[in-house]
C-alpha atoms as a PDB file:
ATOM      1  CA  MET A   1      -0.005   0.002  -0.002  1.00  0.00           C
ATOM      2  CA  GLN A   2       1.588   3.262  -1.151  1.00  0.00           C
ATOM      3  CA  PRO A   3       0.992   6.536   0.728  1.00  0.00           C
ATOM      4  CA  GLU A   4      -0.979   9.115  -1.185  1.00  0.00           C
ATOM      5  CA  ARG A   5       0.747  12.257  -2.395  1.00  0.00           C
ATOM      6  CA  ASP A   6      -0.779  14.524   0.217  1.00  0.00           C
ATOM      7  CA  GLY A   7      -0.018  12.101   3.047  1.00  0.00           C
ATOM      8  CA  SER A   8      -3.693  11.557   3.922  1.00  0.00           C
ATOM      9  CA  LEU A   9      -3.209   7.798   4.234  1.00  0.00           C
ATOM     10  CA  ASP A  10      -0.574   8.374   6.907  1.00  0.00           C
ATOM     11  CA  ARG A  11      -2.900  10.820   8.687  1.00  0.00           C
ATOM     12  CA  LYS A  12      -5.726   8.291   8.647  1.00  0.00           C
ATOM     13  CA  ARG A  13      -3.428   5.624  10.026  1.00  0.00           C
ATOM     14  CA  GLN A  14      -2.293   7.974  12.822  1.00  0.00           C
ATOM     15  CA  GLN A  15      -5.908   8.797  13.698  1.00  0.00           C
ATOM     16  CA  ALA A  16      -6.820   5.103  13.858  1.00  0.00           C
ATOM     17  CA  LEU A  17      -3.932   4.395  16.200  1.00  0.00           C
ATOM     18  CA  HIS A  18      -4.350   7.572  18.275  1.00  0.00           C
ATOM     19  CA  PRO A  19      -7.935   8.836  17.855  1.00  0.00           C
ATOM     20  CA  THR A  20      -7.454  11.862  20.124  1.00  0.00           C
ATOM     21  CA  ALA A  21      -4.094  12.944  18.656  1.00  0.00           C
ATOM     22  CA  GLY A  22      -4.181  16.471  17.408  1.00  0.00           C
ATOM     23  CA  GLY A  23      -7.286  17.403  19.375  1.00  0.00           C
ATOM     24  CA  THR A  24      -7.509  20.914  20.768  1.00  0.00           C
ATOM     25  CA  SER A  25      -9.463  20.029  23.909  1.00  0.00           C
ATOM     26  CA  SER A  26      -8.010  19.022  27.227  1.00  0.00           C
ATOM     27  CA  PRO A  27      -7.667  15.291  27.924  1.00  0.00           C
ATOM     28  CA  GLU A  28     -10.345  15.540  30.633  1.00  0.00           C
ATOM     29  CA  GLY A  29     -12.893  16.716  28.061  1.00  0.00           C
ATOM     30  CA  ILE A  30     -12.568  13.733  25.707  1.00  0.00           C
ATOM     31  CA  ASN A  31     -13.688  10.152  26.373  1.00  0.00           C
ATOM     32  CA  VAL A  32     -12.873   7.462  23.831  1.00  0.00           C
ATOM     33  CA  THR A  33     -14.512   4.045  23.862  1.00  0.00           C
ATOM     34  CA  LEU A  34     -13.698   1.176  21.469  1.00  0.00           C
ATOM     35  CA  VAL A  35     -16.817  -0.851  20.584  1.00  0.00           C
ATOM     36  CA  PRO A  36     -18.054  -3.270  17.900  1.00  0.00           C
ATOM     37  CA  LEU A  37     -20.686  -2.058  15.402  1.00  0.00           C
ATOM     38  CA  TYR A  38     -23.695  -3.578  17.144  1.00  0.00           C
ATOM     39  CA  LEU A  39     -22.854  -1.814  20.457  1.00  0.00           C
ATOM     40  CA  ILE A  40     -22.538   1.727  19.046  1.00  0.00           C
ATOM     41  CA  PRO A  41     -26.123   2.761  19.977  1.00  0.00           C
ATOM     42  CA  LYS A  42     -25.645   1.512  23.549  1.00  0.00           C
ATOM     43  CA  ALA A  43     -22.240   3.199  23.891  1.00  0.00           C
ATOM     44  CA  VAL A  44     -23.600   6.524  22.635  1.00  0.00           C
ATOM     45  CA  ALA A  45     -26.654   6.274  24.934  1.00  0.00           C
ATOM     46  CA  ASP A  46     -24.400   5.479  27.921  1.00  0.00           C
ATOM     47  CA  GLU A  47     -22.192   8.496  27.195  1.00  0.00           C
ATOM     48  CA  ILE A  48     -25.221  10.771  26.837  1.00  0.00           C
ATOM     49  CA  ARG A  49     -26.596   9.521  30.169  1.00  0.00           C
ATOM     50  CA  ARG A  50     -23.205   9.983  31.831  1.00  0.00           C
ATOM     51  CA  HIS A  51     -22.403  13.511  30.577  1.00  0.00           C
ATOM     52  CA  LYS A  52     -25.904  14.924  29.808  1.00  0.00           C
ATOM     53  CA  GLN A  53     -25.709  18.653  28.992  1.00  0.00           C
ATOM     54  CA  ALA A  54     -21.893  18.814  29.037  1.00  0.00           C
ATOM     55  CA  ILE A  55     -21.522  17.054  25.641  1.00  0.00           C
ATOM     56  CA  ARG A  56     -20.284  19.233  22.791  1.00  0.00           C
ATOM     57  CA  VAL A  57     -19.617  16.660  20.039  1.00  0.00           C
ATOM     58  CA  ILE A  58     -19.875  12.896  19.560  1.00  0.00           C
ATOM     59  CA  HIS A  59     -17.747  11.314  16.814  1.00  0.00           C
ATOM     60  CA  VAL A  60     -18.045   7.673  15.763  1.00  0.00           C
ATOM     61  CA  ARG A  61     -15.147   6.448  13.622  1.00  0.00           C
ATOM     62  CA  ARG A  62     -14.303   3.041  12.251  1.00  0.00           C
ATOM     63  CA  THR A  63     -10.914   1.660  13.232  1.00  0.00           C
ATOM     64  CA  ARG A  64      -9.449  -1.685  12.326  1.00  0.00           C
ATOM     65  CA  ASN A  65     -10.955  -5.133  12.886  1.00  0.00           C
ATOM     66  CA  HIS A  66     -14.567  -3.934  12.672  1.00  0.00           C
ATOM     67  CA  GLN A  67     -14.157  -1.840  15.811  1.00  0.00           C
ATOM     68  CA  TYR A  68     -15.395   1.739  16.169  1.00  0.00           C
ATOM     69  CA  THR A  69     -14.300   4.556  18.459  1.00  0.00           C
ATOM     70  CA  VAL A  70     -16.986   6.558  20.151  1.00  0.00           C
ATOM     71  CA  GLU A  71     -15.339   9.864  20.994  1.00  0.00           C
ATOM     72  CA  VAL A  72     -17.232  12.270  23.264  1.00  0.00           C
ATOM     73  CA  GLU A  73     -16.017  15.818  23.669  1.00  0.00           C
ATOM     74  CA  CYS A  74     -17.380  17.615  26.690  1.00  0.00           C
ATOM     75  CA  ALA A  75     -17.475  21.341  27.435  1.00  0.00           C
END
C-alpha cells in the first residue's frame, strides 16, 4: 500500500492508532470508547446519560478489525 501524495493515508493511520491525537481540547474533556458495530447505539446512549448537557460533540469512527471509536467531547 503506497501513501498518497498529500499524506492523507498516513494521517488516517495515525488517527486510527491515536484517535485523540491532534485534538484541541483538554484530555479531561474527551472520552474514547472502542466498541463493535452492534454496540454503538448503547455506547452513545451510555455517554449521553453519563455527561448529559456537558456534551459538545460525539464522533463515531471506524478503526481496524470492525471496531469503532466513540469519541465524546465535553465542554
